[in-house]
Amino acid sequence: MLTIIHGDDIAASRMYFTQLKEKYPEATTLDGQMINLTDLAQTLEGSGLFSEDTTVLLENFITKKKTSADYKQLAMYLTAQAQSATIILWEGKEHEKTAF
């Protein structure tokens, strides 16, 4: 499952994101501005033996300025992994539907 939280009410969207962090205490939180494919793959594919569900929380993934090739590669990977993991993105501003 891939969920993107964004909008013009940053305080409300951030509060909702914080509530999701509390709902998924085992989740890994990553900084979308610093993420690369290797880190993302290790987080999503390196889950422990006793963990069935993988949950990743990414902050400001879309907003970060990346090369289009890097962004496209990361976005495709996230989309593919969303079939077997819970991925939640929080963005500090509103984005168009075509951003992802």
Protein backbone atom coordinates (compact mmCIF):
# COMPACT_ATOMS: atom_id res chain seq x y z
CA MET A 1 0.00 0.00 0.00
CA LEU A 2 1.35 3.42 -0.95
CA THR A 3 -0.11 6.46 0.79
CA ILE A 4 0.86 10.07 0.09
CA ILE A 5 -0.06 12.67 2.70
CA HIS A 6 0.13 16.27 1.50
CA GLY A 7 -1.93 19.40 1.32
CA ASP A 8 -2.09 23.07 2.08
CA ASP A 9 -2.81 22.46 5.79
CA ILE A 10 0.69 21.37 6.82
CA ALA A 11 -0.11 21.22 10.53
CA ALA A 12 -3.04 18.84 10.04
CA SER A 13 -1.18 16.62 7.59
CA ARG A 14 1.84 16.47 9.92
CA MET A 15 -0.40 15.57 12.87
CA TYR A 16 -1.94 12.74 10.84
CA PHE A 17 1.55 11.53 9.86
CA THR A 18 2.58 11.58 13.54
CA GLN A 19 -0.50 9.53 14.42
CA LEU A 20 0.50 6.97 11.79
CA LYS A 21 4.00 6.80 13.31
CA GLU A 22 2.37 5.91 16.61
CA LYS A 23 0.11 3.36 14.92
CA TYR A 24 3.14 1.64 13.35
CA PRO A 25 5.81 1.70 16.10
CA GLU A 26 7.90 -0.89 14.24
CA ALA A 27 8.03 1.31 11.12
CA THR A 28 11.27 2.71 9.76
CA THR A 29 11.28 6.47 9.17
CA LEU A 30 13.53 7.75 6.39
CA ASP A 31 14.41 11.24 5.22
CA GLY A 32 13.27 11.52 1.61
CA GLN A 33 15.83 14.23 0.99
CA MET A 34 18.72 11.89 1.78
CA ILE A 35 17.35 8.57 0.53
CA ASN A 36 19.01 6.50 -2.17
CA LEU A 37 18.04 3.23 -3.79
CA THR A 38 20.45 1.14 -1.71
CA ASP A 39 19.11 2.42 1.62
CA LEU A 40 15.55 1.99 0.46
CA ALA A 41 16.14 -1.57 -0.76
CA GLN A 42 17.86 -2.56 2.48
CA THR A 43 14.97 -1.19 4.49
CA LEU A 44 12.21 -2.77 2.42
CA GLU A 45 13.85 -6.10 1.60
CA GLY A 46 15.91 -6.62 4.72
CA SER A 47 13.06 -7.19 7.14
CA GLY A 48 13.75 -9.56 9.99
CA LEU A 49 12.74 -13.20 10.20
CA PHE A 50 9.94 -12.51 12.67
CA SER A 51 8.49 -9.46 10.95
CA GLU A 52 5.78 -10.19 8.42
CA ASP A 53 4.83 -6.66 7.43
CA THR A 54 7.29 -3.95 6.48
CA THR A 55 6.26 -0.35 7.04
CA VAL A 56 8.32 2.60 5.82
CA LEU A 57 7.58 6.26 6.50
CA LEU A 58 9.26 8.72 4.11
CA GLU A 59 9.34 12.45 4.72
CA ASN A 60 9.64 14.94 1.84
CA PHE A 61 10.49 12.40 -0.86
CA ILE A 62 8.77 14.22 -3.72
CA THR A 63 9.91 17.68 -2.63
CA LYS A 64 13.62 16.84 -2.64
CA LYS A 65 15.48 17.97 -5.71
CA LYS A 66 16.79 14.83 -7.39
CA THR A 67 17.86 14.17 -10.92
CA SER A 68 14.93 12.94 -12.95
CA ALA A 69 16.61 9.56 -13.49
CA ASP A 70 17.15 9.04 -9.75
CA TYR A 71 13.62 10.16 -8.93
CA LYS A 72 12.11 7.92 -11.58
CA GLN A 73 14.14 4.92 -10.40
CA LEU A 74 13.17 5.47 -6.75
CA ALA A 75 9.51 6.09 -7.62
CA MET A 76 9.31 2.91 -9.71
CA TYR A 77 10.92 0.92 -6.90
CA LEU A 78 8.51 2.33 -4.31
CA THR A 79 5.54 1.57 -6.54
CA ALA A 80 6.69 -2.03 -7.04
CA GLN A 81 7.37 -2.56 -3.32
CA ALA A 82 3.96 -1.13 -2.39
CA GLN A 83 2.47 -4.50 -3.33
CA SER A 84 4.10 -6.17 -0.33
CA ALA A 85 4.85 -3.30 2.09
CA THR A 86 3.14 -0.33 3.65
CA ILE A 87 4.80 2.85 2.39
CA ILE A 88 3.63 6.23 3.67
CA LEU A 89 4.96 9.48 2.24
CA TRP A 90 4.51 12.84 3.95
CA GLU A 91 5.11 16.02 2.00
CA GLY A 92 5.38 19.46 3.57
CA LYS A 93 3.38 21.06 0.78
CA GLU A 94 0.57 20.28 -1.64
CA HIS A 95 1.46 18.45 -4.86
CA GLU A 96 -0.36 17.79 -8.10
CA LYS A 97 -1.64 14.31 -8.88
CA THR A 98 1.06 13.88 -11.50
CA ALA A 99 3.90 14.38 -8.99
CA PHE A 100 4.18 10.68 -8.35
